[in-house]
Amino acid sequence: MKRRRPTLRERLAATLLTLVRANDFGQMVPVISFEEAKGMTADEIIARYEFDHNVYVAWGGSNHPVNLTPRAVADHREKTRRDLGTIGKVRRSERKRLGLKKTTPMLGSRHHPSGLRKRMSGKVEHW
């Protein structure tokens, strides 16, 4: 009988099972325990991970495998939340360095400096 070769999804799941992270005591433990993994399919294991960009796409990073790091979904969402603040700050600093002005709010909005708005009837009034 010919042995079946593992599919790409099965190989990816097996690779993801080798990932470890530090627990509360600083010990390195698997992200998914061996006992838990035994009852899961390859698709269920893969669904527990998302891929994080090492160099942000906003800064010219790509989806090439060398720029991706697998992270548990909760860990990735937390890191992304922190990264968005950093990305925003760098963009604001760059705009300031280049002397670019902030965008003006839409005319008629509450925050527009004119303080005017136009009603559907065509009447213009102050906020």
Protein backbone atom coordinates (compact mmCIF):
# COMPACT_ATOMS: atom_id res chain seq x y z
CA MET A 1 0.00 0.00 0.00
CA LYS A 2 1.33 3.42 -0.97
CA ARG A 3 1.69 5.91 1.83
CA ARG A 4 -0.33 9.15 1.47
CA ARG A 5 1.72 12.30 1.57
CA PRO A 6 0.48 14.99 4.03
CA THR A 7 -1.39 17.84 2.36
CA LEU A 8 -0.09 21.40 2.50
CA ARG A 9 -2.80 22.27 5.08
CA GLU A 10 -1.74 19.34 7.28
CA ARG A 11 1.91 20.38 7.02
CA LEU A 12 1.03 24.00 7.86
CA ALA A 13 -1.02 22.86 10.88
CA ALA A 14 1.86 20.65 12.07
CA THR A 15 4.28 23.57 11.74
CA LEU A 16 1.97 25.91 13.67
CA LEU A 17 1.78 23.35 16.48
CA THR A 18 5.51 23.84 17.10
CA LEU A 19 5.02 27.51 18.09
CA VAL A 20 5.55 28.39 21.74
CA ARG A 21 5.07 31.48 23.91
CA ALA A 22 5.95 32.46 27.46
CA ASN A 23 3.35 31.76 30.15
CA ASP A 24 2.83 33.87 33.30
CA PHE A 25 5.95 32.34 34.87
CA GLY A 26 8.20 32.96 31.86
CA GLN A 27 8.22 29.30 30.82
CA MET A 28 7.92 28.54 27.13
CA VAL A 29 4.76 26.49 26.48
CA PRO A 30 2.99 25.48 23.24
CA VAL A 31 0.29 27.88 22.04
CA ILE A 32 -1.94 24.82 21.53
CA SER A 33 -1.27 21.93 23.89
CA PHE A 34 -0.64 18.43 22.54
CA GLU A 35 -3.76 17.11 24.29
CA GLU A 36 -5.93 19.85 22.80
CA ALA A 37 -4.41 19.45 19.32
CA LYS A 38 -5.15 15.71 19.21
CA GLY A 39 -8.88 16.47 19.03
CA MET A 40 -8.58 19.14 16.32
CA THR A 41 -8.52 19.02 12.53
CA ALA A 42 -5.86 20.80 10.49
CA ASP A 43 -8.37 23.53 9.58
CA GLU A 44 -9.26 24.10 13.25
CA ILE A 45 -5.57 24.46 14.15
CA ILE A 46 -4.93 26.90 11.29
CA ALA A 47 -8.01 28.96 12.27
CA ARG A 48 -6.38 29.71 15.66
CA TYR A 49 -3.67 31.79 13.96
CA GLU A 50 -3.34 34.99 11.94
CA PHE A 51 -0.24 36.25 10.16
CA ASP A 52 1.42 39.45 11.35
CA HIS A 53 3.50 41.66 9.06
CA ASN A 54 7.00 42.34 10.40
CA VAL A 55 7.29 45.46 8.21
CA TYR A 56 3.90 47.17 8.14
CA VAL A 57 2.15 47.18 4.77
CA ALA A 58 1.58 50.92 5.36
CA TRP A 59 5.38 51.30 5.34
CA GLY A 60 5.96 49.27 2.19
CA GLY A 61 5.92 45.75 3.65
CA SER A 62 4.74 42.88 1.48
CA ASN A 63 2.93 39.57 1.90
CA HIS A 64 6.14 37.66 1.16
CA PRO A 65 6.67 34.80 3.66
CA VAL A 66 9.81 36.41 5.11
CA ASN A 67 7.66 39.39 6.19
CA LEU A 68 4.99 37.27 7.93
CA THR A 69 4.96 35.87 11.46
CA PRO A 70 2.19 33.54 12.66
CA ARG A 71 0.54 34.67 15.91
CA ALA A 72 -2.40 33.40 17.91
CA VAL A 73 -5.52 35.40 16.98
CA ALA A 74 -5.81 37.18 20.36
CA ASP A 75 -2.09 38.04 20.40
CA HIS A 76 -2.24 39.35 16.82
CA ARG A 77 -5.25 41.57 17.54
CA GLU A 78 -3.54 43.05 20.60
CA LYS A 79 -0.34 43.75 18.64
CA THR A 80 -2.32 45.27 15.76
CA ARG A 81 -4.13 47.58 18.21
CA ARG A 82 -0.75 48.81 19.51
CA ASP A 83 0.72 49.07 15.99
CA LEU A 84 -2.10 51.31 14.71
CA GLY A 85 -1.14 54.00 17.22
CA THR A 86 2.50 53.82 16.11
CA ILE A 87 1.58 53.95 12.43
CA GLY A 88 -0.69 56.96 13.00
CA LYS A 89 1.95 58.82 14.99
CA VAL A 90 4.60 58.26 12.31
CA ARG A 91 2.20 59.45 9.59
CA ARG A 92 1.33 62.59 11.57
CA SER A 93 5.03 63.30 12.22
CA GLU A 94 5.86 62.81 8.55
CA ARG A 95 3.04 65.15 7.46
CA LYS A 96 4.26 67.77 9.92
CA ARG A 97 7.87 67.38 8.76
CA LEU A 98 6.80 67.86 5.14
CA GLY A 99 4.71 70.90 6.08
CA LEU A 100 1.44 69.37 4.92
CA LYS A 101 -1.73 70.81 6.41
CA LYS A 102 -4.35 68.82 8.20
CA THR A 103 -7.37 68.02 6.08
CA THR A 104 -10.29 70.39 6.56
CA PRO A 105 -13.56 68.85 7.71
CA MET A 106 -16.31 68.58 5.11
CA LEU A 107 -18.20 71.83 4.45
CA GLY A 108 -21.47 71.77 6.33
CA SER A 109 -20.20 69.43 9.00
CA ARG A 110 -20.28 70.45 12.63
CA HIS A 111 -16.48 70.72 12.75
CA HIS A 112 -15.96 72.95 9.68
CA PRO A 113 -14.41 76.30 10.67
CA SER A 114 -17.07 78.34 8.81
CA GLY A 115 -19.79 77.11 11.17
CA LEU A 116 -22.25 77.09 8.27
CA ARG A 117 -24.56 74.35 7.09
CA LYS A 118 -26.96 74.08 4.19
CA ARG A 119 -30.39 72.57 4.66
CA MET A 120 -32.09 70.38 2.06
CA SER A 121 -34.40 73.34 1.34
CA GLY A 122 -31.33 75.36 0.27
CA LYS A 123 -31.36 77.62 3.32
CA VAL A 124 -27.88 78.36 4.75
CA GLU A 125 -27.58 78.80 8.51
CA HIS A 126 -25.03 78.86 11.32
CA TRP A 127 -24.69 75.86 13.66
